[in-house]
Protein backbone atom coordinates (compact mmCIF):
# COMPACT_ATOMS: atom_id res chain seq x y z
CA MET A 1 22.63 -7.13 11.81
CA ARG A 2 23.08 -8.20 8.19
CA VAL A 3 19.90 -7.65 6.15
CA TRP A 4 19.03 -8.96 2.68
CA ILE A 5 16.29 -7.18 0.72
CA ASP A 6 14.95 -8.44 -2.62
CA ILE A 7 13.21 -5.91 -4.89
CA THR A 8 11.39 -7.46 -7.85
CA ASN A 9 9.03 -4.77 -9.18
CA SER A 10 9.03 -1.01 -9.71
CA PRO A 11 6.79 0.00 -6.75
CA HIS A 12 8.89 -2.01 -4.31
CA VAL A 13 11.81 0.38 -4.81
CA LEU A 14 9.68 3.08 -3.21
CA VAL A 15 8.49 0.84 -0.39
CA PHE A 16 12.02 -0.08 0.68
CA ARG A 17 13.74 3.28 0.10
CA PRO A 18 12.92 4.66 3.60
CA LEU A 19 13.30 1.25 5.25
CA ILE A 20 16.82 0.81 3.87
CA ALA A 21 17.72 4.26 5.18
CA LEU A 22 16.32 3.46 8.63
CA LEU A 23 18.17 0.14 8.80
CA ARG A 24 21.48 1.73 7.86
CA GLU A 25 20.96 4.59 10.30
CA GLY A 26 20.51 1.93 12.99
CA GLY A 27 23.84 0.31 12.09
CA ALA A 28 22.60 -2.58 9.94
CA GLU A 29 24.50 -3.81 6.90
CA VAL A 30 22.01 -3.96 4.03
CA GLU A 31 22.48 -5.68 0.67
CA VAL A 32 19.87 -5.58 -2.09
CA THR A 33 19.07 -7.96 -4.93
CA SER A 34 16.72 -7.20 -7.80
CA ARG A 35 15.61 -8.42 -11.22
CA ASP A 36 15.37 -6.78 -14.60
CA TYR A 37 11.67 -5.97 -14.94
CA ALA A 38 9.66 -2.89 -15.96
CA GLN A 39 11.24 0.28 -14.53
CA THR A 40 12.76 -1.42 -11.48
CA LEU A 41 16.39 -0.92 -12.43
CA GLN A 42 15.84 2.68 -13.53
CA LEU A 43 14.09 3.49 -10.25
CA LEU A 44 16.86 1.86 -8.22
CA GLU A 45 19.32 4.14 -9.97
CA LEU A 46 17.02 7.15 -9.59
CA HIS A 47 16.85 6.61 -5.82
CA GLY A 48 20.53 5.77 -5.39
CA ILE A 49 20.04 2.15 -4.32
CA ASP A 50 22.82 -0.27 -5.32
CA ALA A 51 21.57 -3.76 -6.10
CA LYS A 52 22.86 -7.06 -7.44
CA ILE A 53 20.77 -7.88 -10.51
CA LEU A 54 19.83 -11.54 -10.64
CA GLY A 55 17.32 -12.80 -13.20
CA ALA A 56 14.45 -11.24 -15.11
CA HIS A 57 10.68 -11.53 -15.43
CA GLY A 58 9.44 -14.74 -17.02
CA GLY A 59 6.89 -13.12 -19.33
CA ARG A 60 3.18 -13.82 -19.69
CA GLY A 61 3.05 -17.61 -19.66
CA ARG A 62 3.10 -19.92 -16.66
CA LEU A 63 5.91 -22.02 -18.12
CA GLY A 64 8.14 -19.00 -18.64
CA LYS A 65 7.36 -17.71 -15.17
CA GLY A 66 8.18 -21.08 -13.63
CA GLU A 67 11.48 -21.43 -15.47
CA ALA A 68 12.48 -17.87 -14.57
CA MET A 69 11.60 -18.47 -10.91
CA LEU A 70 13.68 -21.65 -10.63
CA SER A 71 16.63 -20.09 -12.43
CA ARG A 72 16.50 -16.98 -10.25
CA MET A 73 16.19 -18.98 -7.03
CA ARG A 74 19.36 -20.90 -7.91
CA ALA A 75 21.15 -17.59 -8.51
CA LEU A 76 19.82 -16.08 -5.26
CA HIS A 77 20.89 -19.15 -3.30
CA ALA A 78 24.43 -19.06 -4.69
CA TRP A 79 24.70 -15.32 -4.05
CA ALA A 80 23.23 -15.27 -0.52
CA ARG A 81 24.75 -18.44 0.93
CA PRO A 82 28.26 -17.09 1.65
CA ARG A 83 26.95 -13.77 3.00
CA HIS A 84 25.44 -15.14 6.23
CA PHE A 85 22.46 -12.79 6.50
CA ASP A 86 20.57 -12.47 9.78
CA VAL A 87 17.20 -11.51 8.23
CA ALA A 88 15.65 -11.18 4.77
CA LEU A 89 12.86 -8.80 3.70
CA ALA A 90 10.70 -8.57 0.59
CA HIS A 91 7.50 -7.23 -0.89
CA ALA A 92 5.75 -10.32 -2.27
CA SER A 93 8.99 -11.92 -3.49
CA HIS A 94 8.32 -15.62 -3.00
CA GLU A 95 11.76 -16.24 -4.51
CA LEU A 96 13.33 -14.53 -1.50
CA THR A 97 11.26 -16.28 1.16
CA LEU A 98 11.73 -19.72 -0.44
CA THR A 99 15.49 -19.18 -0.79
CA ALA A 100 15.81 -17.74 2.72
CA ARG A 101 14.02 -20.76 4.16
CA ARG A 102 16.44 -23.11 2.43
CA LEU A 103 19.33 -21.14 3.90
CA GLY A 104 17.81 -20.94 7.39
CA ILE A 105 17.40 -17.14 7.27
CA PRO A 106 14.31 -15.69 9.03
CA SER A 107 12.30 -13.73 6.46
CA ALA A 108 9.41 -11.29 6.32
CA THR A 109 7.25 -10.47 3.34
CA THR A 110 4.60 -7.81 2.89
CA PHE A 111 1.92 -7.21 0.25
CA ASP A 112 -1.41 -5.43 -0.11
CA TYR A 113 -3.26 -7.55 -2.69
CA GLU A 114 -4.38 -10.89 -1.34
CA TYR A 115 -5.58 -12.67 -4.50
CA ALA A 116 -2.24 -13.44 -6.18
CA TRP A 117 -2.96 -17.06 -5.22
CA LEU A 118 0.10 -18.98 -6.43
CA GLN A 119 2.54 -16.27 -5.42
CA HIS A 120 1.20 -16.18 -1.87
CA GLN A 121 0.89 -19.96 -1.54
CA LEU A 122 4.63 -20.13 -2.10
CA GLY A 123 5.81 -16.92 -0.47
CA CYS A 124 3.65 -16.82 2.64
CA ARG A 125 4.19 -20.44 3.60
CA ALA A 126 7.95 -20.05 3.32
CA ALA A 127 8.08 -16.73 5.20
CA THR A 128 8.63 -16.40 8.94
CA ARG A 129 6.53 -13.22 9.08
CA VAL A 130 3.76 -11.82 6.84
CA VAL A 131 2.70 -8.17 7.17
CA VAL A 132 -0.39 -6.73 5.43
CA PRO A 133 -2.77 -3.76 5.75
CA GLU A 134 -5.56 -3.99 8.28
CA ALA A 135 -8.01 -3.58 5.37
CA ILE A 136 -7.36 -7.19 4.31
CA PRO A 137 -9.63 -9.49 6.34
CA PRO A 138 -7.44 -12.06 8.19
CA GLN A 139 -9.65 -14.95 7.06
CA ARG A 140 -8.59 -14.37 3.45
CA LEU A 141 -5.00 -15.18 4.41
CA ARG A 142 -5.68 -18.52 6.10
CA ARG A 143 -5.59 -20.30 2.72
CA TYR A 144 -1.90 -19.31 2.60
CA GLY A 145 -1.13 -20.65 6.06
CA VAL A 146 -1.02 -17.17 7.61
CA LYS A 147 -2.42 -16.47 11.05
CA PRO A 148 -1.13 -14.90 14.29
CA PRO A 149 1.62 -14.77 15.48
CA LYS A 150 2.99 -15.05 11.94
CA LEU A 151 0.58 -12.34 10.77
CA GLY A 152 1.25 -8.65 11.34
CA ARG A 153 -1.15 -5.89 10.29
CA TYR A 154 -0.67 -2.15 9.86
CA PRO A 155 -3.20 0.71 9.66
CA GLY A 156 -3.66 2.69 6.47
CA LEU A 157 -1.87 2.29 3.15
CA LYS A 158 1.75 1.34 2.56
CA GLU A 159 1.96 4.46 0.39
CA GLU A 160 1.23 6.63 3.43
CA TYR A 161 4.42 5.23 5.01
CA TYR A 162 6.87 5.51 2.12
CA LEU A 163 5.52 8.90 1.03
CA ALA A 164 5.72 10.33 4.56
CA ASP A 165 8.79 12.43 3.74
CA PHE A 166 7.83 13.09 0.13
CA GLU A 167 7.47 16.57 -1.28
CA PRO A 168 6.67 17.00 -5.01
CA ASP A 169 9.50 18.05 -7.31
CA PRO A 170 8.25 20.59 -9.90
CA ARG A 171 11.11 19.54 -12.20
CA ALA A 172 9.27 16.26 -12.82
CA LEU A 173 6.98 18.17 -15.21
CA GLU A 174 9.81 19.65 -17.29
CA PRO A 175 10.20 16.74 -19.77
CA PHE A 176 6.60 17.18 -20.88
CA GLU A 177 4.89 19.82 -23.00
CA LEU A 178 2.10 20.86 -20.65
CA ASP A 179 -0.45 23.65 -20.86
CA GLN A 180 -1.46 25.01 -17.44
CA LYS A 181 -4.96 25.73 -18.72
CA ARG A 182 -5.66 22.12 -19.67
CA VAL A 183 -6.64 19.37 -17.24
CA LEU A 184 -3.64 17.18 -16.38
CA VAL A 185 -4.43 13.48 -16.27
CA VAL A 186 -1.87 10.88 -15.15
CA ILE A 187 -2.65 7.40 -16.45
CA ARG A 188 -1.08 4.08 -15.41
CA THR A 189 -1.33 1.02 -17.65
CA PRO A 190 -2.68 -2.41 -16.60
CA PRO A 191 -0.38 -5.06 -15.11
CA ASP A 192 -1.02 -7.22 -18.15
CA VAL A 193 1.85 -9.64 -17.49
CA ALA A 194 0.47 -10.56 -14.06
CA LEU A 195 -1.25 -13.94 -13.71
CA TYR A 196 -4.13 -12.41 -11.72
CA HIS A 197 -5.00 -10.02 -14.57
CA ARG A 198 -5.52 -12.50 -17.42
CA LYS A 199 -8.79 -11.18 -18.83
CA GLY A 200 -7.28 -8.02 -20.29
CA ASN A 201 -8.73 -4.56 -19.93
CA PRO A 202 -10.61 -3.17 -22.95
CA LEU A 203 -11.93 -0.32 -20.79
CA PHE A 204 -8.40 1.02 -20.47
CA LEU A 205 -8.13 1.50 -24.25
CA GLU A 206 -11.47 3.32 -24.20
CA VAL A 207 -10.08 5.66 -21.54
CA LEU A 208 -7.05 6.40 -23.70
CA GLU A 209 -9.34 7.21 -26.63
CA ARG A 210 -11.55 9.42 -24.45
CA VAL A 211 -8.70 11.44 -22.94
CA GLY A 212 -6.41 11.29 -25.94
CA ARG A 213 -8.89 13.12 -28.18
CA ASP A 214 -10.07 15.67 -25.61
CA GLU A 215 -8.61 19.09 -26.45
CA SER A 216 -9.27 20.35 -22.91
CA ALA A 217 -7.13 17.60 -21.41
CA GLN A 218 -3.53 16.42 -21.54
CA ALA A 219 -2.38 13.06 -20.28
CA VAL A 220 0.94 11.59 -19.24
CA VAL A 221 0.70 7.82 -19.63
CA LEU A 222 3.12 5.73 -17.58
CA PRO A 223 3.63 2.28 -19.18
CA ARG A 224 5.03 -0.76 -17.43
CA THR A 225 6.82 -2.30 -20.40
CA THR A 226 8.42 -1.29 -23.69
CA GLU A 227 5.62 -3.09 -25.53
CA GLN A 228 2.97 -1.02 -23.75
CA ARG A 229 4.86 2.20 -24.49
CA ASP A 230 5.16 1.43 -28.20
CA ALA A 231 1.52 0.34 -28.46
CA ILE A 232 0.22 3.53 -26.82
CA ARG A 233 2.37 5.74 -29.02
CA GLY A 234 1.12 3.79 -32.03
CA LEU A 235 -2.43 4.94 -31.28
CA GLY A 236 -1.47 8.43 -32.45
CA LEU A 237 -3.71 10.19 -29.94
CA PRO A 238 -2.78 13.90 -29.78
CA SER A 239 -3.43 14.52 -26.08
CA LEU A 240 -1.26 11.66 -24.82
CA GLN A 241 2.43 11.88 -23.88
CA VAL A 242 4.50 8.79 -23.02
CA PRO A 243 7.96 9.11 -21.41
CA ASP A 244 10.90 7.11 -22.72
CA GLN A 245 12.04 5.94 -19.29
CA ALA A 246 11.17 5.88 -15.60
CA VAL A 247 10.11 9.24 -14.18
CA ASP A 248 9.21 10.70 -10.79
CA GLY A 249 5.70 9.28 -10.85
CA GLN A 250 4.82 10.53 -7.37
CA SER A 251 5.53 14.15 -8.34
CA LEU A 252 3.43 13.72 -11.47
CA VAL A 253 0.57 12.31 -9.42
CA ALA A 254 0.82 15.18 -6.94
CA ALA A 255 0.58 17.68 -9.81
CA ALA A 256 -2.31 15.92 -11.55
CA ASP A 257 -5.91 17.03 -11.58
CA VAL A 258 -7.07 13.42 -12.08
CA VAL A 259 -5.38 10.00 -11.93
CA VAL A 260 -6.65 6.94 -13.80
CA SER A 261 -4.90 3.66 -13.07
CA ALA A 262 -5.50 0.07 -14.05
CA GLY A 263 -3.15 -1.20 -11.36
CA GLY A 264 -3.02 -0.64 -7.64
CA THR A 265 0.02 1.27 -6.42
CA MET A 266 -0.61 4.50 -8.29
CA ASN A 267 -4.26 4.46 -7.20
CA ARG A 268 -3.16 4.34 -3.58
CA GLU A 269 -0.43 6.93 -4.11
CA ALA A 270 -3.09 9.30 -5.43
CA VAL A 271 -5.25 8.61 -2.35
CA ALA A 272 -2.28 9.20 -0.05
CA LEU A 273 -1.50 12.47 -1.85
CA GLY A 274 -5.13 13.65 -1.89
CA VAL A 275 -5.65 13.50 -5.67
CA PRO A 276 -8.94 12.33 -7.27
CA VAL A 277 -8.44 8.83 -8.70
CA TYR A 278 -10.39 6.38 -10.85
CA THR A 279 -9.64 2.66 -11.11
CA THR A 280 -10.13 0.57 -14.26
CA PHE A 281 -8.72 -2.58 -12.63
CA SER A 282 -10.51 -5.57 -14.13
CA GLY A 283 -9.31 -8.25 -11.74
CA ARG A 284 -10.82 -9.28 -8.43
CA LEU A 285 -10.84 -6.38 -5.99
CA GLY A 286 -8.76 -6.83 -2.86
CA GLY A 287 -9.58 -5.63 0.64
CA VAL A 288 -7.66 -2.36 0.30
CA ASP A 289 -9.52 -1.26 -2.83
CA GLU A 290 -12.84 -2.39 -1.34
CA LEU A 291 -12.25 -0.15 1.67
CA LEU A 292 -11.15 2.86 -0.42
CA ILE A 293 -14.22 2.51 -2.63
CA ARG A 294 -16.52 2.35 0.41
CA GLU A 295 -14.86 5.49 1.77
CA GLY A 296 -15.29 7.31 -1.56
CA LYS A 297 -11.52 7.74 -2.01
CA LEU A 298 -11.31 5.48 -5.07
CA ILE A 299 -13.86 5.69 -7.90
CA PRO A 300 -14.57 2.57 -9.99
CA LEU A 301 -14.82 3.48 -13.68
CA THR A 302 -16.97 1.42 -16.02
CA ASP A 303 -17.68 4.07 -18.68
CA PRO A 304 -14.97 6.51 -19.85
CA ARG A 305 -17.66 9.15 -20.41
CA ALA A 306 -18.06 9.26 -16.60
CA LEU A 307 -14.55 10.69 -16.17
CA ASP A 308 -14.82 14.10 -14.51
CA LEU A 309 -12.07 16.00 -16.30
CA ARG A 310 -11.73 19.32 -14.53
CA LYS A 311 -9.01 21.33 -12.83
CA ARG A 312 -8.42 20.41 -9.20
CA GLU A 313 -9.06 23.18 -6.67
CA GLY A 314 -7.87 23.66 -3.11
CA LYS A 315 -5.03 22.08 -1.17
CA ALA A 316 -4.75 18.29 -1.14
CA GLU A 317 -5.24 16.54 2.18
CA ARG A 318 -2.47 14.07 2.91
CA VAL A 319 -1.97 11.27 5.44
CA ARG A 320 1.61 10.63 6.56
CA ARG A 321 2.63 7.62 8.66
CA ASP A 322 5.96 6.73 10.23
CA PRO A 323 7.86 4.12 8.13
CA ALA A 324 9.73 3.05 11.29
CA GLU A 325 6.47 1.47 12.48
CA LEU A 326 6.22 -0.60 9.31
CA LEU A 327 9.85 -1.70 9.64
CA GLU A 328 9.29 -2.73 13.26
CA LEU A 329 6.33 -4.88 12.21
CA LEU A 330 8.43 -6.61 9.56
CA LEU A 331 11.29 -7.32 11.96
CA ASP A 332 9.08 -8.41 14.87
CA GLY A 333 10.05 -11.94 15.82
CA LEU A 334 12.94 -12.17 13.31
CA ARG A 335 15.78 -10.81 15.49
């Protein structure tokens, strides 16, 4: 079986790392495409995944995004056409599912945030198979033309699958100047180039001010873009440290006393690793976050003074799930 995987964002490297290994162990030939965005290329290199780089992110505006999408789809089509793939897999890459449909390749896509409206209108309708967490109510996906048998659903979080074999690497802390007596906070910036996050996030800046001036705390801030990195460093807050490049974020999260994230993936990684986590996400909450909040595993933050900055005690409780089950759901009906 010849398999094409398209990886378009930093977290997707982690999602597909174990799936690529499982496919190759089963005798499949796997080729990967990607785009130059955020820390995606650095993480591909970090995890030893070879990929053909085609295209880049289109920026903040709709026009730029549209032009980048069309340009990239032409490049994907020209690259994939002579390779005669049997199946194609992606995490919310509508460029893959649209291109695969044109080429007659069965495709599966997965995602865990259901309100990226335009992305899912394109990607889900073109896909042969759509796989999401059980926490997302099926009726929310009907607007995208998704219902059984096209729809597959898995229990838990995708992070519980790709972190199943993960053990923290203490060397991930070495690049930072950390004091064991101070509370370690890991902070993830907002996805401010995403269309579903247009309103901005002033609360996030207030969190940086709160933690960055607290002498009992120390924070590692993980930006998504060069612009975010430079802006955070420009604040001159003494308790903040910002790495120059992609790092082992999962090991940092596992070592943290508290995680604060304005996105989604790092929130769920913290939940999967048993670390207290606050969300400052200012967009519309999806089904996964709604469930985690109801279960008390994710804490919505509206006032930075409510941050409970204290050392974590006891052993973290983790949930590990078999990534082979997720892969089987993706491939169901494609072979």
